[in-house]
Amino acid sequence: MTPQSFTGMVISSQNIGETDRRIVLLTKERGKISAFARGAVKPRNPLVSATQPFTFGEFFVYPGKSSYTVTAAWVIRHFDFARIDLDSYYYASYLCELADYYTRENLDACDILLLLYQSFRAIENDAIDNELIRYIYEWRMLLINGEAPGVFSCGVCGKKCAGGEHYFSQRRHSVICADCAGKENDGVRLYPSTLYTLQFIQSTPLQKLYTFKVSDDVMSQIKAVTDEYIKRNRNYIFNSLWFIENFLEKPVH
């Protein structure tokens, strides 16, 4: 039997017994798949480095009843965040956990794979803060999965967001205009720069996504709005995110 070739990223890796390793791959061809690498824990095994988290490459696998078996791999790029710093490692781990949460086996995940890869590059380049990378990633992930709040027109009257005051309504899952916010007594007033940033995140090509910075005030507002939105709409605890929020990020005042 000829092995199948998948291009993808290792988003989790776990040792099984003393010699084997189970990995979860986010692939271009099959979405998320589970695979076993026999002997990958042994120091001289050629799969040792290829089955580490944050490894992007080409993986040659044989299909089984419920998982695949990795026989060989060609590493294209390994993001060694553990050697960069602890912050980068935990942020990268959270991005992988979120990708794992949103993907299913044998369903297309090309957009998420590309988003994850570009986000890893942004963390590695260290041009913008990891905290901003996190929120850009979360908003783009919501967009890919059809869960993103509306930011281009009022969620009540439908008027386009062009100038004037705008508010973010958790109840409406959308930005709303000042008139509708007054009538409904709802929403948190957004800085114009916050609204522009959210629109930019949703509309910009991935290749240009991680090319901007924001003020502390805008970052604080994006954090508050996003955290509350996700808290209301997702009942799931990510281990790496718990560590980030409790030990790495500054609290919102």
Protein backbone atom coordinates (compact mmCIF):
# COMPACT_ATOMS: atom_id res chain seq x y z
CA MET A 1 0.00 0.00 0.00
CA THR A 2 1.32 3.43 -0.96
CA PRO A 3 1.30 5.97 1.90
CA GLN A 4 -0.79 9.12 1.62
CA SER A 5 0.87 12.52 1.78
CA PHE A 6 -0.64 15.32 3.88
CA THR A 7 0.67 18.85 4.37
CA GLY A 8 -0.08 20.30 7.75
CA MET A 9 0.82 21.51 11.23
CA VAL A 10 1.25 19.46 14.41
CA ILE A 11 -1.18 21.12 16.84
CA SER A 12 -0.73 18.63 19.70
CA SER A 13 1.60 15.81 20.61
CA GLN A 14 1.42 13.23 23.39
CA ASN A 15 3.75 10.37 24.29
CA ILE A 16 2.07 6.97 24.39
CA GLY A 17 3.95 4.46 26.46
CA GLU A 18 7.74 4.57 26.41
CA THR A 19 8.37 4.71 22.66
CA ASP A 20 5.34 5.93 20.67
CA ARG A 21 3.74 9.29 20.13
CA ARG A 22 0.21 10.36 19.20
CA ILE A 23 -0.14 13.61 17.28
CA VAL A 24 -2.99 15.71 15.99
CA LEU A 25 -2.37 17.21 12.57
CA LEU A 26 -4.22 20.10 10.98
CA THR A 27 -3.91 19.27 7.29
CA LYS A 28 -4.69 20.95 4.02
CA GLU A 29 -6.13 17.76 2.53
CA ARG A 30 -8.19 16.19 5.36
CA GLY A 31 -8.69 18.85 7.99
CA LYS A 32 -7.87 17.57 11.46
CA ILE A 33 -6.56 14.01 11.78
CA SER A 34 -5.06 11.88 14.55
CA ALA A 35 -1.94 9.84 13.84
CA PHE A 36 0.45 7.55 15.67
CA ALA A 37 4.21 7.68 15.19
CA ARG A 38 5.79 4.40 16.26
CA GLY A 39 9.08 4.81 18.09
CA ALA A 40 8.97 8.62 17.80
CA VAL A 41 10.03 9.03 21.43
CA LYS A 42 13.36 7.29 20.85
CA PRO A 43 16.16 9.89 20.50
CA ARG A 44 17.53 8.55 17.21
CA ASN A 45 14.17 8.07 15.53
CA PRO A 46 13.82 10.37 12.48
CA LEU A 47 10.25 11.28 13.58
CA VAL A 48 11.35 12.81 16.89
CA SER A 49 11.53 16.40 15.63
CA ALA A 50 8.75 16.08 13.04
CA THR A 51 6.18 15.11 15.67
CA GLN A 52 6.83 18.04 18.00
CA PRO A 53 4.09 20.70 18.38
CA PHE A 54 4.29 23.72 16.05
CA THR A 55 5.93 21.68 13.27
CA PHE A 56 4.76 22.36 9.71
CA GLY A 57 5.63 19.88 7.02
CA GLU A 58 4.67 17.02 4.75
CA PHE A 59 3.61 13.83 6.52
CA PHE A 60 3.43 10.38 4.93
CA VAL A 61 0.78 8.24 6.57
CA TYR A 62 -1.12 4.97 6.27
CA PRO A 63 -4.85 5.06 7.14
CA GLY A 64 -6.22 2.86 9.93
CA LYS A 65 -9.69 2.23 11.37
CA SER A 66 -9.77 5.30 13.61
CA SER A 67 -6.44 7.04 13.02
CA TYR A 68 -3.38 7.16 10.79
CA THR A 69 0.16 5.89 11.21
CA VAL A 70 3.02 8.23 10.34
CA THR A 71 5.84 6.50 8.51
CA ALA A 72 7.92 9.49 7.42
CA ALA A 73 7.87 13.28 7.46
CA TRP A 74 9.58 16.18 5.77
CA VAL A 75 9.82 19.22 8.06
CA ILE A 76 9.26 22.44 6.16
CA ARG A 77 9.33 24.73 9.19
CA HIS A 78 9.49 24.24 12.93
CA PHE A 79 8.42 27.11 15.19
CA ASP A 80 10.54 26.60 18.30
CA PHE A 81 8.59 28.90 20.61
CA ALA A 82 9.87 27.17 23.75
CA ARG A 83 13.33 28.57 22.99
CA ILE A 84 12.03 32.07 22.27
CA ASP A 85 10.26 32.67 25.57
CA LEU A 86 7.53 31.21 27.76
CA ASP A 87 4.99 33.83 26.70
CA SER A 88 5.29 32.90 23.03
CA TYR A 89 5.01 29.20 23.86
CA TYR A 90 1.73 29.63 25.74
CA TYR A 91 0.22 31.94 23.14
CA ALA A 92 1.12 29.48 20.37
CA SER A 93 -0.36 26.66 22.46
CA TYR A 94 -3.61 28.58 22.80
CA LEU A 95 -3.81 29.18 19.05
CA CYS A 96 -3.44 25.43 18.55
CA GLU A 97 -6.08 24.65 21.16
CA LEU A 98 -8.50 27.02 19.46
CA ALA A 99 -7.78 25.47 16.05
CA ASP A 100 -8.39 22.03 17.55
CA TYR A 101 -11.69 23.22 19.05
CA TYR A 102 -13.02 24.58 15.76
CA THR A 103 -11.92 21.82 13.37
CA ARG A 104 -13.31 18.37 12.65
CA GLU A 105 -11.83 15.33 10.98
CA ASN A 106 -12.19 15.13 7.20
CA LEU A 107 -13.67 18.63 6.94
CA ASP A 108 -11.93 21.45 5.09
CA ALA A 109 -9.63 23.52 7.29
CA CYS A 110 -7.43 25.32 4.75
CA ASP A 111 -8.41 28.79 5.98
CA ILE A 112 -7.70 27.87 9.61
CA LEU A 113 -4.38 26.22 8.70
CA LEU A 114 -3.26 29.34 6.84
CA LEU A 115 -4.43 31.58 9.69
CA LEU A 116 -2.51 29.46 12.20
CA TYR A 117 0.65 29.52 10.07
CA GLN A 118 0.55 33.29 9.59
CA SER A 119 -0.13 33.80 13.30
CA PHE A 120 2.90 31.69 14.20
CA ARG A 121 5.01 33.82 11.88
CA ALA A 122 3.73 36.94 13.64
CA ILE A 123 4.66 35.55 17.06
CA GLU A 124 8.09 34.56 15.78
CA ASN A 125 8.71 37.96 14.14
CA ASP A 126 7.88 39.75 17.40
CA ALA A 127 6.79 42.89 15.54
CA ILE A 128 3.53 43.26 17.49
CA ASP A 129 2.51 42.14 20.97
CA ASN A 130 1.36 38.57 21.50
CA GLU A 131 -1.78 39.86 23.18
CA LEU A 132 -2.83 41.69 20.01
CA ILE A 133 -2.00 38.59 17.94
CA ARG A 134 -4.31 36.59 20.20
CA TYR A 135 -7.28 38.91 19.64
CA ILE A 136 -6.70 39.22 15.89
CA TYR A 137 -6.62 35.42 15.72
CA GLU A 138 -9.78 35.04 17.80
CA TRP A 139 -11.74 37.51 15.66
CA ARG A 140 -10.55 35.92 12.43
CA MET A 141 -11.41 32.47 13.77
CA LEU A 142 -14.91 33.69 14.63
CA LEU A 143 -15.20 35.07 11.09
CA ILE A 144 -14.11 31.81 9.44
CA ASN A 145 -16.65 29.87 11.48
CA GLY A 146 -19.54 32.27 10.91
CA GLU A 147 -19.67 33.50 14.52
CA ALA A 148 -18.16 36.96 14.17
CA PRO A 149 -20.15 39.99 15.37
CA GLY A 150 -21.24 42.46 12.73
CA VAL A 151 -18.98 45.52 12.54
CA PHE A 152 -19.84 47.13 9.19
CA SER A 153 -23.48 48.10 9.77
CA CYS A 154 -25.86 48.64 12.66
CA GLY A 155 -27.28 45.38 13.95
CA VAL A 156 -30.68 47.04 14.54
CA CYS A 157 -31.45 49.43 11.67
CA GLY A 158 -28.86 48.21 9.18
CA LYS A 159 -27.29 51.63 8.60
CA LYS A 160 -23.65 51.42 7.51
CA CYS A 161 -21.01 52.31 10.07
CA ALA A 162 -19.53 55.42 8.49
CA GLY A 163 -18.70 58.23 10.88
CA GLY A 164 -20.50 59.18 14.07
CA GLU A 165 -20.76 57.30 17.35
CA HIS A 166 -21.09 53.52 17.45
CA TYR A 167 -21.64 51.05 20.24
CA PHE A 168 -20.99 47.34 20.66
CA SER A 169 -24.07 45.37 21.68
CA GLN A 170 -23.45 41.95 23.19
CA ARG A 171 -27.17 41.22 22.96
CA ARG A 172 -27.33 42.05 19.26
CA HIS A 173 -23.97 40.39 18.45
CA SER A 174 -23.14 43.53 16.52
CA VAL A 175 -22.09 47.13 16.44
CA ILE A 176 -25.10 49.45 16.63
CA CYS A 177 -25.47 53.14 15.81
CA ALA A 178 -25.93 55.86 18.42
CA ASP A 179 -29.65 56.29 17.66
CA CYS A 180 -30.41 52.60 18.15
CA ALA A 181 -28.18 52.41 21.22
CA GLY A 182 -30.19 55.26 22.77
CA LYS A 183 -33.54 53.69 21.94
CA GLU A 184 -32.56 50.28 23.27
CA ASN A 185 -30.42 51.57 26.15
CA ASP A 186 -27.79 49.08 25.05
CA GLY A 187 -24.16 48.86 24.05
CA VAL A 188 -20.67 50.02 25.00
CA ARG A 189 -19.45 53.09 23.16
CA LEU A 190 -16.48 52.28 20.91
CA TYR A 191 -13.54 54.50 20.13
CA PRO A 192 -13.48 55.20 16.37
CA SER A 193 -10.06 53.51 16.28
CA THR A 194 -11.48 50.39 17.93
CA LEU A 195 -14.24 50.09 15.34
CA TYR A 196 -11.75 50.65 12.52
CA THR A 197 -9.45 47.97 13.96
CA LEU A 198 -12.26 45.40 14.18
CA GLN A 199 -13.28 46.18 10.59
CA PHE A 200 -9.67 45.88 9.45
CA ILE A 201 -9.30 42.47 11.13
CA GLN A 202 -12.39 41.13 9.41
CA SER A 203 -11.68 42.49 5.94
CA THR A 204 -7.90 42.38 5.42
CA PRO A 205 -6.12 39.54 3.55
CA LEU A 206 -4.26 37.17 5.86
CA GLN A 207 -0.88 38.15 4.48
CA LYS A 208 -1.40 41.73 5.69
CA LEU A 209 -3.27 40.93 8.88
CA TYR A 210 -0.43 41.26 11.37
CA THR A 211 0.94 44.58 10.20
CA PHE A 212 -0.44 47.12 12.67
CA LYS A 213 -0.32 48.19 16.30
CA VAL A 214 -2.92 49.83 18.52
CA SER A 215 -2.88 52.20 21.49
CA ASP A 216 -3.28 50.91 25.02
CA ASP A 217 -6.81 52.33 25.18
CA VAL A 218 -7.88 50.57 21.99
CA MET A 219 -6.24 47.32 23.11
CA SER A 220 -8.06 47.52 26.43
CA GLN A 221 -11.40 48.05 24.68
CA ILE A 222 -10.87 45.24 22.18
CA LYS A 223 -9.94 42.95 25.05
CA ALA A 224 -13.01 43.85 27.12
CA VAL A 225 -15.47 43.53 24.21
CA THR A 226 -14.00 40.29 22.90
CA ASP A 227 -13.64 38.56 26.26
CA GLU A 228 -17.25 39.32 27.13
CA TYR A 229 -18.50 38.20 23.71
CA ILE A 230 -16.66 34.90 23.90
CA LYS A 231 -17.70 34.34 27.52
CA ARG A 232 -21.35 34.70 26.50
CA ASN A 233 -21.12 32.51 23.42
CA ARG A 234 -18.60 29.77 24.17
CA ASN A 235 -18.74 27.47 27.19
CA TYR A 236 -15.27 25.96 27.10
CA ILE A 237 -12.06 26.40 29.11
CA PHE A 238 -8.69 26.27 27.34
CA ASN A 239 -5.79 25.31 29.60
CA SER A 240 -3.26 27.55 27.89
CA LEU A 241 -5.66 30.50 27.86
CA TRP A 242 -6.25 30.12 31.59
CA PHE A 243 -2.48 30.43 32.12
CA ILE A 244 -2.25 33.44 29.79
CA GLU A 245 -5.08 35.31 31.49
CA ASN A 246 -3.90 34.56 35.01
CA PHE A 247 -0.15 34.99 34.62
CA LEU A 248 0.76 36.80 31.39
CA GLU A 249 -1.79 39.45 30.43
CA LYS A 250 -2.59 42.66 32.25
CA PRO A 251 -6.14 42.81 33.66
CA VAL A 252 -8.64 45.22 32.12
CA HIS A 253 -9.45 48.16 34.42
